[in-house]
């Protein structure tokens, strides 16, 4: 991996994410059935199809444009998680701007802005058993990597590990936000599917 991501590398990242999501689709559905209404995988699968279709023509020629295609695909997804992911990807796209290549600084700015938007909209905090539990440590780790001048590969690897640890930590929690909050103890021991998907996304970047 070079020190920056161009359009091709960004597209490859998203394609790996789509593959990882497909491989974990049944698990995500199962997690959501235990803690929500069971439509998480279905909703995001439709978003991923639109992502694949949107990127197929090769018209997105910058990282920001690639991420913009992803954002639009998720924005037009049913449920709650799809639009939240869409808003988050849109902030990544905006941080990338029209640059031909982006690095840790641009990724960090986008991830942090997206997290801020999600928290402002959904009012979720760490410990609420939502995607925020994976995004908060990921954003903090990515910001530290960017500030410390770490390499892209090392910074993304650290960020992926932080996101996975955050996602895993949701399992013993009792949800305070989202549909899982309605089932209380019944969802204890179940990883939040949104946080799990955030971890998949960052792991796909490594």
C-alpha atoms as a PDB file:
ATOM      1  CA  UNK A   1       0.000   0.000   0.000  1.00  0.00           C
ATOM      2  CA  UNK A   2       1.338   3.427  -0.957  1.00  0.00           C
ATOM      3  CA  UNK A   3       1.188   6.466   1.285  1.00  0.00           C
ATOM      4  CA  UNK A   4      -2.034   7.676  -0.296  1.00  0.00           C
ATOM      5  CA  UNK A   5      -5.249   6.381  -1.830  1.00  0.00           C
ATOM      6  CA  UNK A   6      -6.124   7.278  -5.399  1.00  0.00           C
ATOM      7  CA  UNK A   7      -9.473   6.528  -7.059  1.00  0.00           C
ATOM      8  CA  UNK A   8      -8.492   2.977  -7.989  1.00  0.00           C
ATOM      9  CA  UNK A   9      -7.283   2.157  -4.476  1.00  0.00           C
ATOM     10  CA  UNK A  10     -10.407   3.687  -2.935  1.00  0.00           C
ATOM     11  CA  UNK A  11     -12.596   1.680  -5.301  1.00  0.00           C
ATOM     12  CA  UNK A  12     -10.673  -1.482  -4.394  1.00  0.00           C
ATOM     13  CA  UNK A  13     -11.252  -0.743  -0.694  1.00  0.00           C
ATOM     14  CA  UNK A  14     -14.998  -0.439  -1.230  1.00  0.00           C
ATOM     15  CA  UNK A  15     -15.063  -3.596  -3.356  1.00  0.00           C
ATOM     16  CA  UNK A  16     -13.310  -5.511  -0.564  1.00  0.00           C
ATOM     17  CA  UNK A  17     -15.863  -4.093   1.880  1.00  0.00           C
ATOM     18  CA  UNK A  18     -18.710  -5.317  -0.341  1.00  0.00           C
ATOM     19  CA  UNK A  19     -17.154  -8.782  -0.424  1.00  0.00           C
ATOM     20  CA  UNK A  20     -16.660  -8.809   3.350  1.00  0.00           C
ATOM     21  CA  UNK A  21     -20.237  -7.706   3.879  1.00  0.00           C
ATOM     22  CA  UNK A  22     -21.536 -10.437   1.570  1.00  0.00           C
ATOM     23  CA  UNK A  23     -19.487 -13.065   3.423  1.00  0.00           C
ATOM     24  CA  UNK A  24     -20.932 -11.904   6.755  1.00  0.00           C
ATOM     25  CA  UNK A  25     -24.478 -11.228   5.591  1.00  0.00           C
ATOM     26  CA  UNK A  26     -26.048 -14.222   7.370  1.00  0.00           C
ATOM     27  CA  UNK A  27     -24.213 -13.422  10.594  1.00  0.00           C
ATOM     28  CA  UNK A  28     -25.349  -9.789  10.444  1.00  0.00           C
ATOM     29  CA  UNK A  29     -28.939 -10.874   9.878  1.00  0.00           C
ATOM     30  CA  UNK A  30     -28.689 -13.208  12.852  1.00  0.00           C
ATOM     31  CA  UNK A  31     -27.255 -10.473  15.061  1.00  0.00           C
ATOM     32  CA  UNK A  32     -30.062  -8.142  14.045  1.00  0.00           C
ATOM     33  CA  UNK A  33     -32.744 -10.762  14.625  1.00  0.00           C
ATOM     34  CA  UNK A  34     -31.491 -11.122  18.182  1.00  0.00           C
ATOM     35  CA  UNK A  35     -31.295  -7.397  18.859  1.00  0.00           C
ATOM     36  CA  UNK A  36     -33.593  -5.685  16.355  1.00  0.00           C
ATOM     37  CA  UNK A  37     -36.066  -6.369  13.594  1.00  0.00           C
ATOM     38  CA  UNK A  38     -33.843  -8.533  11.429  1.00  0.00           C
ATOM     39  CA  UNK A  39     -33.701  -6.331   8.336  1.00  0.00           C
ATOM     40  CA  UNK A  40     -30.189  -4.921   8.745  1.00  0.00           C
ATOM     41  CA  UNK A  41     -28.564  -7.290   6.272  1.00  0.00           C
ATOM     42  CA  UNK A  42     -31.359  -6.910   3.732  1.00  0.00           C
ATOM     43  CA  UNK A  43     -31.241  -3.126   3.806  1.00  0.00           C
ATOM     44  CA  UNK A  44     -27.475  -2.890   3.533  1.00  0.00           C
ATOM     45  CA  UNK A  45     -27.327  -5.574   0.871  1.00  0.00           C
ATOM     46  CA  UNK A  46     -29.510  -3.391  -1.343  1.00  0.00           C
ATOM     47  CA  UNK A  47     -27.167  -0.473  -0.667  1.00  0.00           C
ATOM     48  CA  UNK A  48     -24.135  -2.543  -1.604  1.00  0.00           C
ATOM     49  CA  UNK A  49     -25.798  -3.542  -4.890  1.00  0.00           C
ATOM     50  CA  UNK A  50     -26.297   0.137  -5.694  1.00  0.00           C
ATOM     51  CA  UNK A  51     -22.666   0.815  -4.764  1.00  0.00           C
ATOM     52  CA  UNK A  52     -21.451  -1.896  -7.122  1.00  0.00           C
ATOM     53  CA  UNK A  53     -23.706  -0.671  -9.921  1.00  0.00           C
ATOM     54  CA  UNK A  54     -22.694   2.940  -9.339  1.00  0.00           C
ATOM     55  CA  UNK A  55     -18.984   2.182  -9.512  1.00  0.00           C
ATOM     56  CA  UNK A  56     -19.234  -0.218 -12.446  1.00  0.00           C
ATOM     57  CA  UNK A  57     -19.076   2.471 -15.140  1.00  0.00           C
ATOM     58  CA  UNK A  58     -15.731   3.750 -13.851  1.00  0.00           C
ATOM     59  CA  UNK A  59     -16.896   7.361 -13.955  1.00  0.00           C
ATOM     60  CA  UNK A  60     -15.705   8.163 -10.426  1.00  0.00           C
ATOM     61  CA  UNK A  61     -12.181   9.434 -11.067  1.00  0.00           C
ATOM     62  CA  UNK A  62     -11.166  10.720  -7.623  1.00  0.00           C
ATOM     63  CA  UNK A  63     -11.366   9.206  -4.131  1.00  0.00           C
ATOM     64  CA  UNK A  64     -13.980  11.788  -3.216  1.00  0.00           C
ATOM     65  CA  UNK A  65     -16.114  10.832  -6.212  1.00  0.00           C
ATOM     66  CA  UNK A  66     -15.876   7.128  -5.344  1.00  0.00           C
ATOM     67  CA  UNK A  67     -16.934   7.833  -1.759  1.00  0.00           C
ATOM     68  CA  UNK A  68     -19.731  10.056  -3.042  1.00  0.00           C
ATOM     69  CA  UNK A  69     -21.153   7.157  -5.048  1.00  0.00           C
ATOM     70  CA  UNK A  70     -21.092   5.036  -1.902  1.00  0.00           C
ATOM     71  CA  UNK A  71     -22.767   7.775   0.115  1.00  0.00           C
ATOM     72  CA  UNK A  72     -25.594   8.181  -2.375  1.00  0.00           C
ATOM     73  CA  UNK A  73     -26.200   4.429  -2.479  1.00  0.00           C
ATOM     74  CA  UNK A  74     -26.526   4.212   1.291  1.00  0.00           C
ATOM     75  CA  UNK A  75     -28.616   7.364   1.581  1.00  0.00           C
ATOM     76  CA  UNK A  76     -31.328   5.708  -0.509  1.00  0.00           C
ATOM     77  CA  UNK A  77     -31.525   2.653   1.727  1.00  0.00           C
ATOM     78  CA  UNK A  78     -34.400   1.771   4.015  1.00  0.00           C
ATOM     79  CA  UNK A  79     -34.116   1.496   7.764  1.00  0.00           C
ATOM     80  CA  UNK A  80     -31.986   3.628  10.034  1.00  0.00           C
ATOM     81  CA  UNK A  81     -28.455   2.336   9.519  1.00  0.00           C
ATOM     82  CA  UNK A  82     -28.337   2.875   5.747  1.00  0.00           C
ATOM     83  CA  UNK A  83     -28.887   6.639   5.850  1.00  0.00           C
ATOM     84  CA  UNK A  84     -26.498   6.969   8.802  1.00  0.00           C
ATOM     85  CA  UNK A  85     -23.774   5.182   6.867  1.00  0.00           C
ATOM     86  CA  UNK A  86     -24.665   7.336   3.866  1.00  0.00           C
ATOM     87  CA  UNK A  87     -24.226  10.533   5.841  1.00  0.00           C
ATOM     88  CA  UNK A  88     -20.907   9.242   7.180  1.00  0.00           C
ATOM     89  CA  UNK A  89     -19.609   8.376   3.716  1.00  0.00           C
ATOM     90  CA  UNK A  90     -20.722  11.793   2.485  1.00  0.00           C
ATOM     91  CA  UNK A  91     -18.487  13.445   5.063  1.00  0.00           C
ATOM     92  CA  UNK A  92     -15.613  11.254   3.886  1.00  0.00           C
ATOM     93  CA  UNK A  93     -16.315  12.375   0.326  1.00  0.00           C
ATOM     94  CA  UNK A  94     -16.384  16.025   1.333  1.00  0.00           C
ATOM     95  CA  UNK A  95     -13.112  15.720   3.244  1.00  0.00           C
ATOM     96  CA  UNK A  96     -11.498  14.157   0.177  1.00  0.00           C
ATOM     97  CA  UNK A  97     -12.758  16.980  -2.035  1.00  0.00           C
ATOM     98  CA  UNK A  98     -11.499  16.854  -5.598  1.00  0.00           C
ATOM     99  CA  UNK A  99      -7.996  15.647  -4.741  1.00  0.00           C
ATOM    100  CA  UNK A 100      -6.526  12.925  -6.905  1.00  0.00           C
ATOM    101  CA  UNK A 101      -5.045  11.235  -3.840  1.00  0.00           C
ATOM    102  CA  UNK A 102      -5.869  11.306  -0.117  1.00  0.00           C
ATOM    103  CA  UNK A 103      -3.993  10.221   2.988  1.00  0.00           C
ATOM    104  CA  UNK A 104      -4.546   9.762   6.699  1.00  0.00           C
ATOM    105  CA  UNK A 105      -5.258  13.456   7.263  1.00  0.00           C
ATOM    106  CA  UNK A 106      -8.182  13.555   4.840  1.00  0.00           C
ATOM    107  CA  UNK A 107      -9.517  10.206   6.015  1.00  0.00           C
ATOM    108  CA  UNK A 108      -9.305  11.312   9.628  1.00  0.00           C
ATOM    109  CA  UNK A 109     -11.116  14.572   8.928  1.00  0.00           C
ATOM    110  CA  UNK A 110     -13.901  12.728   7.118  1.00  0.00           C
ATOM    111  CA  UNK A 111     -14.272   9.978   9.703  1.00  0.00           C
ATOM    112  CA  UNK A 112     -14.442  12.487  12.553  1.00  0.00           C
ATOM    113  CA  UNK A 113     -16.923  14.746  10.737  1.00  0.00           C
ATOM    114  CA  UNK A 114     -19.085  11.750   9.902  1.00  0.00           C
ATOM    115  CA  UNK A 115     -19.028  10.578  13.507  1.00  0.00           C
ATOM    116  CA  UNK A 116     -20.033  14.038  14.692  1.00  0.00           C
ATOM    117  CA  UNK A 117     -22.968  14.053  12.287  1.00  0.00           C
ATOM    118  CA  UNK A 118     -24.162  10.611  13.367  1.00  0.00           C
ATOM    119  CA  UNK A 119     -23.982  11.544  17.048  1.00  0.00           C
ATOM    120  CA  UNK A 120     -25.769  14.820  16.457  1.00  0.00           C
ATOM    121  CA  UNK A 121     -28.576  13.054  14.628  1.00  0.00           C
ATOM    122  CA  UNK A 122     -28.919   9.908  16.700  1.00  0.00           C
ATOM    123  CA  UNK A 123     -27.691  11.218  20.085  1.00  0.00           C
ATOM    124  CA  UNK A 124     -25.728   7.978  20.608  1.00  0.00           C
ATOM    125  CA  UNK A 125     -22.705   7.885  22.872  1.00  0.00           C
ATOM    126  CA  UNK A 126     -20.121   5.167  23.543  1.00  0.00           C
ATOM    127  CA  UNK A 127     -21.733   2.477  25.660  1.00  0.00           C
ATOM    128  CA  UNK A 128     -25.142   2.776  23.986  1.00  0.00           C
ATOM    129  CA  UNK A 129     -24.484  -0.359  21.870  1.00  0.00           C
ATOM    130  CA  UNK A 130     -24.529   1.231  18.423  1.00  0.00           C
ATOM    131  CA  UNK A 131     -22.160   1.790  15.505  1.00  0.00           C
ATOM    132  CA  UNK A 132     -20.758   4.701  17.522  1.00  0.00           C
ATOM    133  CA  UNK A 133     -19.015   2.219  19.816  1.00  0.00           C
ATOM    134  CA  UNK A 134     -16.807   1.198  16.888  1.00  0.00           C
ATOM    135  CA  UNK A 135     -16.582   4.622  15.262  1.00  0.00           C
ATOM    136  CA  UNK A 136     -15.377   6.538  18.322  1.00  0.00           C
ATOM    137  CA  UNK A 137     -12.208   4.460  18.904  1.00  0.00           C
ATOM    138  CA  UNK A 138     -11.634   4.262  15.150  1.00  0.00           C
ATOM    139  CA  UNK A 139     -11.829   8.044  14.772  1.00  0.00           C
ATOM    140  CA  UNK A 140      -9.540   8.644  17.759  1.00  0.00           C
ATOM    141  CA  UNK A 141      -6.970   6.129  16.539  1.00  0.00           C
ATOM    142  CA  UNK A 142      -7.015   7.495  13.008  1.00  0.00           C
ATOM    143  CA  UNK A 143      -6.601  11.063  14.263  1.00  0.00           C
ATOM    144  CA  UNK A 144      -3.626  10.037  16.405  1.00  0.00           C
ATOM    145  CA  UNK A 145      -2.055   8.217  13.461  1.00  0.00           C
ATOM    146  CA  UNK A 146      -2.473  11.236  11.204  1.00  0.00           C
ATOM    147  CA  UNK A 147      -1.093  13.612  13.828  1.00  0.00           C
ATOM    148  CA  UNK A 148       1.862  11.311  14.466  1.00  0.00           C
ATOM    149  CA  UNK A 149       2.805  11.096  10.817  1.00  0.00           C
ATOM    150  CA  UNK A 150       2.327   7.340  10.652  1.00  0.00           C
ATOM    151  CA  UNK A 151       2.241   5.516   7.346  1.00  0.00           C
ATOM    152  CA  UNK A 152      -1.108   4.928   5.684  1.00  0.00           C
ATOM    153  CA  UNK A 153      -0.841   1.160   6.076  1.00  0.00           C
ATOM    154  CA  UNK A 154       0.087   1.302   9.766  1.00  0.00           C
ATOM    155  CA  UNK A 155      -2.516   3.930  10.573  1.00  0.00           C
ATOM    156  CA  UNK A 156      -5.294   1.985   8.881  1.00  0.00           C
ATOM    157  CA  UNK A 157      -4.234  -1.261  10.560  1.00  0.00           C
ATOM    158  CA  UNK A 158      -4.364   0.392  13.980  1.00  0.00           C
ATOM    159  CA  UNK A 159      -7.725   1.942  13.137  1.00  0.00           C
ATOM    160  CA  UNK A 160      -9.154  -1.406  12.019  1.00  0.00           C
ATOM    161  CA  UNK A 161      -8.015  -3.029  15.263  1.00  0.00           C
ATOM    162  CA  UNK A 162      -9.596  -0.233  17.298  1.00  0.00           C
ATOM    163  CA  UNK A 163     -12.878  -0.529  15.403  1.00  0.00           C
ATOM    164  CA  UNK A 164     -12.973  -4.304  15.902  1.00  0.00           C
ATOM    165  CA  UNK A 165     -12.267  -3.964  19.632  1.00  0.00           C
ATOM    166  CA  UNK A 166     -15.039  -1.369  19.878  1.00  0.00           C
ATOM    167  CA  UNK A 167     -17.469  -3.623  18.029  1.00  0.00           C
ATOM    168  CA  UNK A 168     -16.612  -6.650  20.164  1.00  0.00           C
ATOM    169  CA  UNK A 169     -17.134  -4.573  23.305  1.00  0.00           C
ATOM    170  CA  UNK A 170     -20.810  -4.043  22.394  1.00  0.00           C
ATOM    171  CA  UNK A 171     -21.677  -7.696  23.030  1.00  0.00           C
ATOM    172  CA  UNK A 172     -22.074  -7.515  26.835  1.00  0.00           C
ATOM    173  CA  UNK A 173     -23.803  -4.126  26.736  1.00  0.00           C
ATOM    174  CA  UNK A 174     -27.490  -3.436  27.247  1.00  0.00           C
ATOM    175  CA  UNK A 175     -28.558  -1.133  24.437  1.00  0.00           C
ATOM    176  CA  UNK A 176     -29.705   2.376  25.247  1.00  0.00           C
ATOM    177  CA  UNK A 177     -30.374   3.464  21.655  1.00  0.00           C
ATOM    178  CA  UNK A 178     -31.970   1.916  18.591  1.00  0.00           C
ATOM    179  CA  UNK A 179     -34.271  -1.072  18.330  1.00  0.00           C
ATOM    180  CA  UNK A 180     -32.016  -3.177  20.528  1.00  0.00           C
ATOM    181  CA  UNK A 181     -32.973  -0.920  23.432  1.00  0.00           C
ATOM    182  CA  UNK A 182     -36.474  -2.420  23.259  1.00  0.00           C
ATOM    183  CA  UNK A 183     -35.302  -5.955  24.007  1.00  0.00           C
ATOM    184  CA  UNK A 184     -33.037  -5.152  26.957  1.00  0.00           C
ATOM    185  CA  UNK A 185     -31.333  -8.185  28.479  1.00  0.00           C
ATOM    186  CA  UNK A 186     -32.327 -10.368  25.523  1.00  0.00           C
ATOM    187  CA  UNK A 187     -29.658  -8.669  23.412  1.00  0.00           C
ATOM    188  CA  UNK A 188     -26.886  -9.075  25.972  1.00  0.00           C
ATOM    189  CA  UNK A 189     -24.113 -11.136  24.443  1.00  0.00           C
ATOM    190  CA  UNK A 190     -25.002  -9.987  20.916  1.00  0.00           C
ATOM    191  CA  UNK A 191     -22.601  -7.750  19.001  1.00  0.00           C
ATOM    192  CA  UNK A 192     -24.247  -4.684  17.512  1.00  0.00           C
ATOM    193  CA  UNK A 193     -24.523  -5.255  13.736  1.00  0.00           C
ATOM    194  CA  UNK A 194     -23.803  -1.621  12.911  1.00  0.00           C
ATOM    195  CA  UNK A 195     -20.605  -1.635  14.940  1.00  0.00           C
ATOM    196  CA  UNK A 196     -19.664  -4.984  13.386  1.00  0.00           C
ATOM    197  CA  UNK A 197     -20.108  -3.466   9.922  1.00  0.00           C
ATOM    198  CA  UNK A 198     -17.935  -0.472  10.827  1.00  0.00           C
ATOM    199  CA  UNK A 199     -15.193  -2.910  11.818  1.00  0.00           C
ATOM    200  CA  UNK A 200     -15.581  -4.738   8.486  1.00  0.00           C
ATOM    201  CA  UNK A 201     -15.234  -1.456   6.627  1.00  0.00           C
ATOM    202  CA  UNK A 202     -11.943  -0.500   8.273  1.00  0.00           C
ATOM    203  CA  UNK A 203     -10.588  -4.034   8.068  1.00  0.00           C
ATOM    204  CA  UNK A 204     -11.281  -3.930   4.336  1.00  0.00           C
ATOM    205  CA  UNK A 205      -9.040  -0.874   4.037  1.00  0.00           C
ATOM    206  CA  UNK A 206      -5.954  -2.704   5.309  1.00  0.00           C
END
